[in-house]
Amino acid sequence: MVSPPPGAVARLRVGPAPRPLMGSQGRPGPPGNRGPGEGEGEGGEARKLQDARVVRGKRRKGKGKADAGQGGRGSGAEGKPGPQRAKPAAGPGAEEGARAGPGREGGGGGSAEDGATSTVKRDEGSVGAGRAAQGSDDGQEEERRVRTGRRDDGRPGRAQGRGAQAWGGLAGTGAAMAAAAAEGEAAARPAAGPALWRLPEELLLLICSYLDVRALGRLAQVCRWLRRFTSCDLLWRRIARASLNSGFTRLGTDLMTSIPVKERVKVSQNWRLGRCREGILLKWRCRDGKIGVHEIHSTFTVKYSAHEQEVNCVDCKGGIIVSGSRDRTAKVWPLASGRLGQCLHTIQTEDRVWSIAISPLLSSFVTGTACCGHFSPLRIWDLNSGQLMTHLGSDFPPGAGVLDVMYESPSTLLSCGYDTYVRYWDLRTSVRKCVMEWEEPHDSTLYCLQTDGNHLLVTGSSYYGVVRLWDRRQRACLHAFPLTSTPLSSPVYCLRFTTNHLYAALSYNLHVLDFQNP
């Protein structure tokens, strides 16, 4: 037999009554949870002190009580409660602790080695029952942790970790997460609540994507986590595509990816309800028959004589400028810095040109004329050769000139003019008849139009600078905004808008309607 190491007996005479090591919840922890290397160092010293306390307590209470009540506190690596190494990985510290305790088997005359050996043998019978009961408790506790998705030490559990990975893999959630972090909101899912909120985020996104604006707004008021969750762009895409001027085209292309979809839907409600604030940006007066080229954020300006009379319309796209004038011509110009002012083509339209637009394919352009001849006021020309390609419409009355025209796609375009109608053309179906039309309610000439590529249509009338908002899914006008008073009546010559603002050019100033801050 090996004699105990020096100092082992001295350690047996100190310390309080034996007490098991406790887990994080005040109960014996499961075995086998120790990290590598913990059997040597502090872990080994802790085991030695524990073994000494166990053996000393057994010596005091007697052999009978040790056999009946102390079996669950054995000194082996498997029987010890608390966080320790599994049996195959027991370190040398555990073996020393087992050899260090003098036993009671020898009746006072035996050696320390015999006492320790007999104590280990007595404890082996009770270790199995103790481990079985403890394993059952551990299984129930682990099931509770997985069900709630959290751990006792405050770290995210398995369910929460899976949700975080789902959020990271979903497109359009980065802006919502960043906004929540900026506001200092907790990103953790609430532990309590309906079982619905414990589903993975992918399923919650699919379920909540069928909610309308009002329901999503109420859901965001429940808690911070749901506020962050309902800010996800994926929940608002379907609503935004059905809204006015939300930055989505008819095909679902997002034109405003830098702005959260939820914020665009909020502003879209102002467009639908007609809530805005009016202002004036610029004032001017210029009718000299010249074309001006201005560089943004610079003082560079070029003007050159283009037509013999007033220039009524200009379009620029892909390095090409096309212009139309009252002198019954349309001209094509290059935008290259070394060729400014050099005309590429001059097209004789035989009528005054009021509007012009270049195709998105850069292969053709369309002109809208005064309709004073025996031909259609809408004609499409080849951009490279200047040759006539086709006519649009066959039922225009005399004098129904087209004052504005724009391409919405390579095969669809809109027009408006003196006959007070907005017409929607689809070149794939017919070039003789439009597929949709809207009539100005006050029988005013329509000078200009603009669309968001989806549902919103904006027109400018001839009297009092009236700007009208239309929903293309309806026949009636939504809202009208008169921008001038009676003494200063002017038509609206040009319209442009973003998701937040609408700009209208009159004969003497530039108006802006702010829908973001009405």
Protein backbone atom coordinates (compact mmCIF):
# COMPACT_ATOMS: atom_id res chain seq x y z
CA MET A 1 0.00 0.00 0.00
CA VAL A 2 1.15 3.52 -0.72
CA SER A 3 1.39 5.81 2.29
CA PRO A 4 -0.50 9.11 2.17
CA PRO A 5 1.46 12.17 1.13
CA PRO A 6 2.84 14.42 3.85
CA GLY A 7 0.38 17.00 5.04
CA ALA A 8 -2.73 15.00 4.12
CA VAL A 9 -3.57 14.26 7.76
CA ALA A 10 -3.19 17.92 8.65
CA ARG A 11 -5.69 18.89 5.99
CA LEU A 12 -8.20 16.45 7.51
CA ARG A 13 -8.33 18.34 10.80
CA VAL A 14 -9.58 21.67 9.36
CA GLY A 15 -12.72 22.87 7.52
CA PRO A 16 -16.47 22.92 8.16
CA ALA A 17 -18.92 20.08 7.91
CA PRO A 18 -19.03 18.32 4.51
CA ARG A 19 -21.12 20.15 1.92
CA PRO A 20 -21.54 19.21 -1.76
CA LEU A 21 -20.50 21.60 -4.56
CA MET A 22 -23.55 23.26 -6.10
CA GLY A 23 -24.46 24.05 -9.73
CA SER A 24 -25.72 27.33 -11.16
CA GLN A 25 -29.27 26.70 -9.78
CA GLY A 26 -28.33 25.59 -6.26
CA ARG A 27 -28.35 21.86 -7.03
CA PRO A 28 -25.62 19.36 -7.85
CA GLY A 29 -24.35 19.95 -11.32
CA PRO A 30 -24.08 17.18 -13.88
CA PRO A 31 -20.75 15.40 -14.15
CA GLY A 32 -18.50 15.64 -17.15
CA ASN A 33 -18.87 19.42 -17.71
CA ARG A 34 -15.33 20.40 -16.79
CA GLY A 35 -13.04 21.96 -19.32
CA PRO A 36 -9.70 20.48 -20.36
CA GLY A 37 -6.93 20.86 -17.86
CA GLU A 38 -9.16 21.53 -14.83
CA GLY A 39 -8.20 18.30 -13.09
CA GLU A 40 -4.75 19.74 -12.51
CA GLY A 41 -4.34 23.06 -10.67
CA GLU A 42 -7.28 24.66 -8.87
CA GLY A 43 -9.65 21.80 -9.74
CA GLY A 44 -7.30 19.21 -8.19
CA GLU A 45 -6.90 21.22 -4.99
CA ALA A 46 -10.68 21.62 -4.69
CA ARG A 47 -11.15 17.88 -5.02
CA LYS A 48 -8.52 17.19 -2.37
CA LEU A 49 -10.22 19.48 0.15
CA GLN A 50 -13.63 17.99 -0.62
CA ASP A 51 -12.36 14.42 -0.20
CA ALA A 52 -10.80 15.34 3.10
CA ARG A 53 -14.02 16.85 4.39
CA VAL A 54 -16.03 13.79 3.36
CA VAL A 55 -13.68 11.35 5.08
CA ARG A 56 -13.48 13.44 8.28
CA GLY A 57 -17.27 13.63 8.49
CA LYS A 58 -17.54 9.86 8.17
CA ARG A 59 -15.03 9.36 10.94
CA ARG A 60 -17.10 11.54 13.29
CA LYS A 61 -20.51 10.03 12.59
CA GLY A 62 -19.38 6.45 12.73
CA LYS A 63 -19.29 3.52 10.42
CA GLY A 64 -23.07 2.82 10.53
CA LYS A 65 -24.14 6.31 9.59
CA ALA A 66 -21.48 6.45 6.88
CA ASP A 67 -22.94 3.29 5.32
CA ALA A 68 -26.57 4.54 5.51
CA GLY A 69 -26.46 8.26 4.74
CA GLN A 70 -23.13 9.25 3.23
CA GLY A 71 -23.12 6.97 0.21
CA GLY A 72 -24.05 9.73 -2.21
CA ARG A 73 -20.96 11.76 -1.24
CA GLY A 74 -18.27 9.45 -2.38
CA SER A 75 -14.85 10.69 -3.32
CA GLY A 76 -14.65 9.14 -6.80
CA ALA A 77 -14.60 11.29 -9.91
CA GLU A 78 -18.10 10.07 -10.87
CA GLY A 79 -19.85 10.31 -7.50
CA LYS A 80 -18.78 13.82 -6.60
CA PRO A 81 -21.46 16.48 -7.25
CA GLY A 82 -20.66 19.82 -8.85
CA PRO A 83 -18.90 20.57 -12.08
CA GLN A 84 -16.17 18.01 -12.60
CA ARG A 85 -14.58 15.85 -15.24
CA ALA A 86 -16.13 12.66 -16.52
CA LYS A 87 -14.75 9.39 -15.19
CA PRO A 88 -12.41 8.53 -18.10
CA ALA A 89 -10.86 11.99 -17.86
CA ALA A 90 -10.28 11.98 -14.09
CA GLY A 91 -6.94 13.60 -13.33
CA PRO A 92 -4.26 12.61 -10.85
CA GLY A 93 -5.68 15.06 -8.32
CA ALA A 94 -8.75 12.87 -7.87
CA GLU A 95 -6.67 9.76 -7.29
CA GLU A 96 -4.58 11.52 -4.64
CA GLY A 97 -7.76 12.72 -2.91
CA ALA A 98 -9.09 9.16 -2.81
CA ARG A 99 -5.84 7.86 -1.29
CA ALA A 100 -5.55 10.70 1.22
CA GLY A 101 -8.58 9.91 3.44
CA PRO A 102 -8.03 7.42 6.36
CA GLY A 103 -10.97 4.96 6.60
CA ARG A 104 -12.90 3.44 9.46
CA GLU A 105 -12.98 -0.13 8.18
CA GLY A 106 -10.04 -1.27 10.27
CA GLY A 107 -11.71 -0.56 13.62
CA GLY A 108 -9.10 2.04 14.52
CA GLY A 109 -6.15 -0.23 13.85
CA GLY A 110 -6.18 -0.20 10.04
CA SER A 111 -4.03 2.06 7.83
CA ALA A 112 -5.19 5.20 6.04
CA GLU A 113 -5.03 3.41 2.72
CA ASP A 114 -7.39 0.68 3.86
CA GLY A 115 -9.91 3.22 5.14
CA ALA A 116 -9.94 5.15 1.90
CA THR A 117 -10.25 1.97 -0.17
CA SER A 118 -13.21 0.68 1.84
CA THR A 119 -14.94 4.05 1.69
CA VAL A 120 -14.75 4.06 -2.09
CA LYS A 121 -16.22 0.53 -2.21
CA ARG A 122 -19.14 1.54 0.04
CA ASP A 123 -19.90 4.57 -2.04
CA GLU A 124 -20.02 2.80 -5.41
CA GLY A 125 -23.43 1.35 -4.65
CA SER A 126 -25.05 4.68 -3.94
CA VAL A 127 -23.36 6.54 -6.81
CA GLY A 128 -25.53 4.86 -9.46
CA ALA A 129 -28.81 5.82 -7.80
CA GLY A 130 -27.60 9.36 -7.22
CA ARG A 131 -26.52 9.79 -10.80
CA ALA A 132 -29.85 8.41 -12.12
CA ALA A 133 -31.92 10.87 -10.08
CA GLN A 134 -29.62 13.70 -10.98
CA GLY A 135 -29.78 12.81 -14.70
CA SER A 136 -33.59 12.96 -14.59
CA ASP A 137 -33.49 16.41 -13.01
CA ASP A 138 -30.93 17.58 -15.56
CA GLY A 139 -33.07 16.36 -18.44
CA GLN A 140 -36.11 18.28 -17.19
CA GLU A 141 -34.03 21.42 -16.65
CA GLU A 142 -32.47 21.21 -20.12
CA GLU A 143 -35.93 20.75 -21.67
CA ARG A 144 -37.10 23.91 -19.88
CA ARG A 145 -34.09 25.85 -21.19
CA VAL A 146 -34.62 24.75 -24.80
CA ARG A 147 -38.35 25.48 -24.60
CA THR A 148 -37.84 29.08 -23.44
CA GLY A 149 -34.87 29.64 -25.74
CA ARG A 150 -32.65 31.00 -22.92
CA ARG A 151 -29.92 29.79 -20.59
CA ASP A 152 -29.52 30.43 -16.90
CA ASP A 153 -26.28 32.35 -17.32
CA GLY A 154 -27.95 35.06 -19.47
CA ARG A 155 -26.51 33.91 -22.79
CA PRO A 156 -28.84 33.27 -25.75
CA GLY A 157 -30.05 29.72 -25.89
CA ARG A 158 -30.34 27.42 -28.83
CA ALA A 159 -33.58 28.86 -30.15
CA GLN A 160 -32.37 32.43 -29.87
CA GLY A 161 -29.12 31.62 -31.62
CA ARG A 162 -30.98 30.06 -34.50
CA GLY A 163 -33.16 33.18 -34.73
CA ALA A 164 -30.12 35.44 -34.84
CA GLN A 165 -28.69 33.43 -37.72
CA ALA A 166 -32.01 33.70 -39.54
CA TRP A 167 -32.06 37.47 -39.14
CA GLY A 168 -28.54 37.73 -40.47
CA GLY A 169 -29.38 35.68 -43.54
CA LEU A 170 -32.54 37.57 -44.48
CA ALA A 171 -32.28 40.43 -46.96
CA GLY A 172 -33.41 43.85 -45.91
CA THR A 173 -33.10 43.32 -42.11
CA GLY A 174 -29.77 45.12 -41.71
CA ALA A 175 -31.38 48.56 -41.61
CA ALA A 176 -33.92 47.48 -38.96
CA MET A 177 -31.22 45.90 -36.79
CA ALA A 178 -29.05 48.99 -37.08
CA ALA A 179 -31.95 51.26 -36.16
CA ALA A 180 -32.75 49.16 -33.11
CA ALA A 181 -29.12 49.22 -32.01
CA ALA A 182 -28.97 52.99 -32.47
CA GLU A 183 -32.00 53.45 -30.24
CA GLY A 184 -30.50 51.20 -27.57
CA GLU A 185 -33.26 48.64 -27.78
CA ALA A 186 -32.83 45.08 -26.64
CA ALA A 187 -32.55 42.63 -29.53
CA ALA A 188 -33.39 39.60 -27.36
CA ARG A 189 -36.69 37.87 -27.93
CA PRO A 190 -39.04 38.03 -24.89
CA ALA A 191 -38.89 34.83 -22.81
CA ALA A 192 -42.56 35.00 -21.86
CA GLY A 193 -45.52 35.37 -24.15
CA PRO A 194 -47.60 33.39 -26.64
CA ALA A 195 -46.13 30.29 -28.21
CA LEU A 196 -46.34 32.05 -31.59
CA TRP A 197 -43.35 34.26 -30.73
CA ARG A 198 -41.15 31.24 -30.09
CA LEU A 199 -41.32 30.21 -33.75
CA PRO A 200 -38.29 30.81 -35.99
CA GLU A 201 -38.10 34.26 -37.53
CA GLU A 202 -38.60 32.87 -41.04
CA LEU A 203 -42.05 31.54 -40.11
CA LEU A 204 -42.96 34.71 -38.22
CA LEU A 205 -42.01 36.81 -41.25
CA LEU A 206 -44.24 34.69 -43.46
CA ILE A 207 -47.19 34.93 -41.05
CA CYS A 208 -46.86 38.66 -40.39
CA SER A 209 -46.40 39.46 -44.09
CA TYR A 210 -50.18 39.03 -44.50
CA LEU A 211 -50.96 41.83 -42.00
CA ASP A 212 -52.02 45.27 -43.15
CA VAL A 213 -50.56 48.65 -42.14
CA ARG A 214 -52.81 49.10 -39.12
CA ALA A 215 -52.12 45.62 -37.72
CA LEU A 216 -48.35 45.96 -38.14
CA GLY A 217 -48.44 49.35 -36.45
CA ARG A 218 -50.30 47.94 -33.44
CA LEU A 219 -47.97 44.96 -33.27
CA ALA A 220 -44.96 47.27 -33.08
CA GLN A 221 -46.41 48.85 -29.92
CA VAL A 222 -46.36 45.60 -27.92
CA CYS A 223 -42.66 45.49 -26.98
CA ARG A 224 -39.23 46.53 -28.19
CA TRP A 225 -38.46 43.19 -29.78
CA LEU A 226 -41.66 43.29 -31.85
CA ARG A 227 -40.94 46.87 -32.79
CA ARG A 228 -37.59 45.79 -34.19
CA PHE A 229 -39.16 42.74 -35.81
CA THR A 230 -41.92 44.72 -37.54
CA SER A 231 -39.36 47.16 -38.98
CA CYS A 232 -38.04 44.46 -41.31
CA ASP A 233 -38.28 45.47 -44.98
CA LEU A 234 -39.64 42.07 -45.98
CA LEU A 235 -42.87 42.69 -44.03
CA TRP A 236 -43.53 45.98 -45.82
CA ARG A 237 -42.63 45.13 -49.42
CA ARG A 238 -46.10 43.80 -50.29
CA ILE A 239 -47.76 46.86 -48.73
CA ALA A 240 -45.29 49.22 -50.42
CA ARG A 241 -45.90 47.74 -53.86
CA ALA A 242 -49.62 48.49 -53.44
CA SER A 243 -48.98 52.03 -52.13
CA LEU A 244 -48.56 55.30 -54.00
CA ASN A 245 -45.03 56.50 -54.75
CA SER A 246 -43.26 54.04 -52.45
CA GLY A 247 -40.23 53.55 -54.69
CA PHE A 248 -41.32 50.26 -56.32
CA THR A 249 -42.01 49.81 -60.01
CA ARG A 250 -44.84 47.78 -61.48
CA LEU A 251 -42.48 44.78 -61.78
CA GLY A 252 -41.38 45.05 -58.13
CA THR A 253 -38.00 46.70 -58.64
CA ASP A 254 -36.92 48.76 -55.63
CA LEU A 255 -35.64 52.16 -56.77
CA MET A 256 -34.95 53.52 -53.26
CA THR A 257 -32.93 50.82 -51.50
CA SER A 258 -31.22 53.34 -49.21
CA ILE A 259 -34.52 54.27 -47.49
CA PRO A 260 -36.28 51.73 -45.21
CA VAL A 261 -39.50 50.46 -46.77
CA LYS A 262 -41.49 51.17 -43.60
CA GLU A 263 -40.57 54.86 -43.75
CA ARG A 264 -41.59 55.04 -47.39
CA VAL A 265 -44.97 53.51 -46.59
CA LYS A 266 -45.48 56.18 -43.92
CA VAL A 267 -44.81 58.96 -46.44
CA SER A 268 -47.01 57.18 -48.98
CA GLN A 269 -49.97 57.68 -46.66
CA ASN A 270 -49.44 61.45 -46.97
CA TRP A 271 -49.52 61.16 -50.78
CA ARG A 272 -52.76 59.19 -50.61
CA LEU A 273 -54.38 61.65 -48.17
CA GLY A 274 -52.98 64.77 -49.85
CA ARG A 275 -51.04 66.03 -46.80
CA CYS A 276 -48.14 68.28 -47.82
CA ARG A 277 -46.47 71.65 -47.28
CA GLU A 278 -45.99 74.10 -50.16
CA GLY A 279 -42.93 76.26 -50.88
CA ILE A 280 -41.09 78.13 -53.68
CA LEU A 281 -37.50 77.21 -54.56
CA LEU A 282 -36.59 79.36 -57.60
CA LYS A 283 -37.88 82.23 -59.69
CA TRP A 284 -37.01 82.95 -63.36
CA ARG A 285 -38.15 84.28 -66.72
CA CYS A 286 -36.44 83.09 -69.91
CA ARG A 287 -37.69 82.70 -73.52
CA ASP A 288 -34.77 83.11 -75.90
CA GLY A 289 -34.74 79.92 -78.02
CA LYS A 290 -31.48 78.66 -76.46
CA ILE A 291 -30.45 75.38 -74.82
CA GLY A 292 -28.51 75.64 -71.57
CA VAL A 293 -26.25 72.88 -70.19
CA HIS A 294 -25.50 73.25 -66.48
CA GLU A 295 -23.09 71.19 -64.38
CA ILE A 296 -24.37 70.26 -60.94
CA HIS A 297 -22.42 71.74 -57.98
CA SER A 298 -20.43 73.90 -60.36
CA THR A 299 -20.63 77.23 -62.17
CA PHE A 300 -20.02 75.60 -65.56
CA THR A 301 -22.75 76.63 -68.03
CA VAL A 302 -22.95 76.32 -71.81
CA LYS A 303 -25.62 77.92 -74.00
CA TYR A 304 -25.89 77.55 -77.75
CA SER A 305 -28.48 78.50 -80.34
CA ALA A 306 -30.46 75.41 -81.27
CA HIS A 307 -33.61 76.56 -83.06
CA GLU A 308 -34.92 79.60 -84.84
CA GLN A 309 -37.86 79.92 -82.46
CA GLU A 310 -38.64 78.96 -78.89
CA VAL A 311 -37.43 75.56 -77.63
CA ASN A 312 -40.54 73.88 -76.25
CA CYS A 313 -39.11 70.57 -75.08
CA VAL A 314 -35.80 68.83 -74.35
CA ASP A 315 -34.88 65.30 -73.30
CA CYS A 316 -31.43 63.95 -72.44
CA LYS A 317 -30.42 60.33 -72.03
CA GLY A 318 -27.32 58.24 -72.69
CA GLY A 319 -25.14 61.12 -73.87
CA ILE A 320 -27.77 62.31 -76.39
CA ILE A 321 -29.96 65.45 -76.35
CA VAL A 322 -33.13 65.76 -78.42
CA SER A 323 -35.01 69.05 -78.68
CA GLY A 324 -38.27 70.25 -80.24
CA SER A 325 -39.32 73.76 -81.21
CA ARG A 326 -42.08 75.91 -82.60
CA ASP A 327 -40.07 76.07 -85.83
CA ARG A 328 -41.49 72.59 -86.69
CA THR A 329 -38.20 70.72 -86.29
CA ALA A 330 -36.72 68.21 -83.88
CA LYS A 331 -32.94 67.98 -83.51
CA VAL A 332 -30.49 65.44 -82.08
CA TRP A 333 -27.35 66.69 -80.28
CA PRO A 334 -24.34 64.97 -78.68
CA LEU A 335 -23.62 65.67 -75.02
CA ALA A 336 -19.87 65.00 -75.31
CA SER A 337 -17.83 67.98 -74.10
CA GLY A 338 -15.92 68.29 -77.38
CA ARG A 339 -19.03 68.18 -79.59
CA LEU A 340 -21.50 70.45 -77.78
CA GLY A 341 -23.57 72.45 -80.24
CA GLN A 342 -22.96 70.10 -83.20
CA CYS A 343 -26.32 68.90 -84.54
CA LEU A 344 -26.42 65.22 -85.55
CA HIS A 345 -29.88 65.12 -87.16
CA THR A 346 -32.61 67.60 -88.03
CA ILE A 347 -36.08 66.12 -88.46
CA GLN A 348 -38.80 68.08 -90.24
CA THR A 349 -41.96 67.33 -88.28
CA GLU A 350 -44.23 69.60 -90.39
CA ASP A 351 -45.92 70.75 -87.20
CA ARG A 352 -44.98 72.56 -84.01
CA VAL A 353 -43.27 70.19 -81.55
CA TRP A 354 -44.66 70.43 -78.02
CA SER A 355 -43.16 67.34 -76.38
CA ILE A 356 -40.37 64.83 -76.91
CA ALA A 357 -39.02 61.71 -75.14
CA ILE A 358 -36.16 59.23 -75.72
CA SER A 359 -36.79 55.50 -75.47
CA PRO A 360 -35.04 53.65 -72.58
CA LEU A 361 -33.35 51.47 -75.22
CA LEU A 362 -31.77 54.59 -76.82
CA SER A 363 -32.95 53.38 -80.22
CA SER A 364 -35.81 55.79 -80.91
CA PHE A 365 -37.64 58.86 -79.65
CA VAL A 366 -41.24 60.04 -79.79
CA THR A 367 -42.53 63.52 -80.61
CA GLY A 368 -45.84 65.12 -79.68
CA THR A 369 -46.99 67.86 -82.05
CA ALA A 370 -49.85 70.38 -82.27
CA CYS A 371 -52.07 68.11 -84.43
CA CYS A 372 -52.68 70.79 -87.07
CA GLY A 373 -52.06 68.48 -90.03
CA HIS A 374 -53.61 65.32 -91.41
CA PHE A 375 -51.45 62.93 -89.40
CA SER A 376 -51.25 61.69 -85.85
CA PRO A 377 -49.64 64.04 -83.31
CA LEU A 378 -47.70 61.09 -81.80
CA ARG A 379 -44.89 59.75 -83.99
CA ILE A 380 -41.86 57.58 -83.25
CA TRP A 381 -38.51 58.28 -84.97
CA ASP A 382 -35.30 56.31 -85.31
CA LEU A 383 -32.63 57.95 -83.16
CA ASN A 384 -29.67 56.95 -85.33
CA SER A 385 -31.05 57.74 -88.78
CA GLY A 386 -33.84 60.21 -88.02
CA GLN A 387 -36.37 58.23 -90.11
CA LEU A 388 -40.06 57.90 -89.17
CA MET A 389 -40.92 54.49 -87.68
CA THR A 390 -44.66 54.55 -86.78
CA HIS A 391 -47.69 56.63 -85.75
CA LEU A 392 -49.63 56.26 -82.50
CA GLY A 393 -53.42 56.66 -82.47
CA SER A 394 -55.90 57.26 -85.24
CA ASP A 395 -58.82 59.07 -83.58
CA PHE A 396 -57.26 62.38 -82.48
CA PRO A 397 -59.56 65.33 -83.31
CA PRO A 398 -57.98 68.34 -85.03
CA GLY A 399 -56.18 70.55 -82.56
CA ALA A 400 -55.72 67.77 -79.98
CA GLY A 401 -52.03 68.47 -79.66
CA VAL A 402 -49.85 66.35 -77.36
CA LEU A 403 -48.16 68.62 -74.82
CA ASP A 404 -46.27 65.94 -72.89
CA VAL A 405 -45.19 62.36 -73.47
CA MET A 406 -43.00 59.98 -71.46
CA TYR A 407 -41.77 56.40 -71.70
CA GLU A 408 -42.59 54.17 -68.75
CA SER A 409 -40.84 51.16 -70.28
CA PRO A 410 -39.44 50.35 -73.73
CA SER A 411 -42.92 49.26 -74.84
CA THR A 412 -45.26 51.50 -72.80
CA LEU A 413 -45.68 55.28 -72.68
CA LEU A 414 -48.14 57.96 -71.51
CA SER A 415 -49.31 61.16 -73.22
CA CYS A 416 -51.51 64.15 -72.45
CA GLY A 417 -52.50 67.38 -74.17
CA TYR A 418 -55.20 69.73 -75.36
CA ASP A 419 -57.99 67.15 -75.44
CA THR A 420 -57.87 66.95 -71.57
CA TYR A 421 -57.07 63.22 -71.58
CA VAL A 422 -54.17 61.17 -70.24
CA ARG A 423 -53.62 58.14 -72.45
CA TYR A 424 -51.65 54.98 -71.71
CA TRP A 425 -50.13 53.22 -74.76
CA ASP A 426 -48.78 49.70 -75.06
CA LEU A 427 -46.81 49.15 -78.27
CA ARG A 428 -47.05 45.36 -77.86
CA THR A 429 -50.83 45.34 -78.29
CA SER A 430 -51.71 48.11 -80.72
CA VAL A 431 -50.36 51.41 -82.02
CA ARG A 432 -53.82 52.57 -83.13
CA LYS A 433 -55.65 52.70 -79.80
CA CYS A 434 -54.60 53.33 -76.20
CA VAL A 435 -55.25 50.72 -73.50
CA MET A 436 -56.26 53.17 -70.71
CA GLU A 437 -57.25 56.82 -70.36
CA TRP A 438 -58.12 59.36 -67.64
CA GLU A 439 -60.05 62.61 -68.18
CA GLU A 440 -59.31 65.93 -66.46
CA PRO A 441 -62.40 66.67 -64.32
CA HIS A 442 -62.52 70.43 -65.00
CA ASP A 443 -61.96 70.15 -68.75
CA SER A 444 -58.58 71.87 -68.52
CA THR A 445 -55.68 71.34 -70.87
CA LEU A 446 -53.07 68.98 -69.43
CA TYR A 447 -49.60 70.41 -69.94
CA CYS A 448 -47.45 67.74 -68.28
CA LEU A 449 -47.51 64.41 -66.50
CA GLN A 450 -45.24 62.18 -64.45
CA THR A 451 -45.53 58.68 -63.00
CA ASP A 452 -43.69 56.59 -60.41
CA GLY A 453 -43.72 53.55 -62.69
CA ASN A 454 -46.38 51.86 -60.59
CA HIS A 455 -49.68 53.36 -59.35
CA LEU A 456 -49.13 57.11 -58.91
CA LEU A 457 -49.84 59.55 -61.75
CA VAL A 458 -49.33 63.33 -61.45
CA THR A 459 -50.62 65.89 -63.98
CA GLY A 460 -50.28 69.64 -64.37
CA SER A 461 -53.22 71.69 -65.69
CA SER A 462 -53.36 74.95 -67.61
CA TYR A 463 -55.44 77.03 -65.18
CA TYR A 464 -54.13 78.30 -61.85
CA GLY A 465 -51.18 75.93 -61.83
CA VAL A 466 -53.27 73.00 -60.61
CA VAL A 467 -51.36 69.78 -59.83
CA ARG A 468 -53.49 66.63 -59.59
CA LEU A 469 -52.67 63.27 -58.03
CA TRP A 470 -54.18 60.14 -59.58
CA ASP A 471 -54.31 56.50 -58.61
CA ARG A 472 -54.06 54.61 -61.88
CA ARG A 473 -56.27 51.86 -60.49
CA GLN A 474 -59.12 54.39 -60.32
CA ARG A 475 -60.80 56.70 -62.81
CA ALA A 476 -61.32 59.67 -60.50
CA CYS A 477 -58.68 62.13 -59.32
CA LEU A 478 -57.42 61.80 -55.73
CA HIS A 479 -56.31 65.36 -54.87
CA ALA A 480 -55.74 68.74 -56.51
CA PHE A 481 -53.25 71.45 -55.44
CA PRO A 482 -53.65 74.95 -56.97
CA LEU A 483 -50.21 76.59 -56.91
CA THR A 484 -51.15 80.08 -58.20
CA SER A 485 -53.81 82.68 -57.50
CA THR A 486 -56.00 84.41 -60.08
CA PRO A 487 -53.72 87.40 -60.93
CA LEU A 488 -50.70 85.13 -61.43
CA SER A 489 -52.33 82.22 -63.23
CA SER A 490 -49.88 80.02 -65.07
CA PRO A 491 -49.87 76.49 -66.48
CA VAL A 492 -47.69 73.80 -64.94
CA TYR A 493 -45.07 73.19 -67.61
CA CYS A 494 -43.03 70.42 -65.98
CA LEU A 495 -43.35 67.97 -63.08
CA ARG A 496 -40.85 65.81 -61.19
CA PHE A 497 -41.11 64.06 -57.84
CA THR A 498 -39.30 61.80 -55.40
CA THR A 499 -40.73 59.71 -52.57
CA ASN A 500 -40.79 62.80 -50.33
CA HIS A 501 -41.17 65.87 -52.57
CA LEU A 502 -42.97 67.03 -55.71
CA TYR A 503 -41.52 69.81 -57.91
CA ALA A 504 -43.67 71.83 -60.30
CA ALA A 505 -42.25 74.39 -62.79
CA LEU A 506 -44.49 77.30 -63.71
CA SER A 507 -43.77 80.19 -66.06
CA TYR A 508 -42.00 82.24 -63.38
CA ASN A 509 -41.04 80.00 -60.43
CA LEU A 510 -40.40 76.49 -59.17
CA HIS A 511 -42.78 75.17 -56.50
CA VAL A 512 -42.13 72.27 -54.13
CA LEU A 513 -44.65 70.17 -52.19
CA ASP A 514 -43.15 68.46 -49.13
CA PHE A 515 -44.98 65.23 -48.25
CA GLN A 516 -42.43 64.06 -45.70
CA ASN A 517 -43.03 66.94 -43.25
CA PRO A 518 -46.55 68.21 -44.02
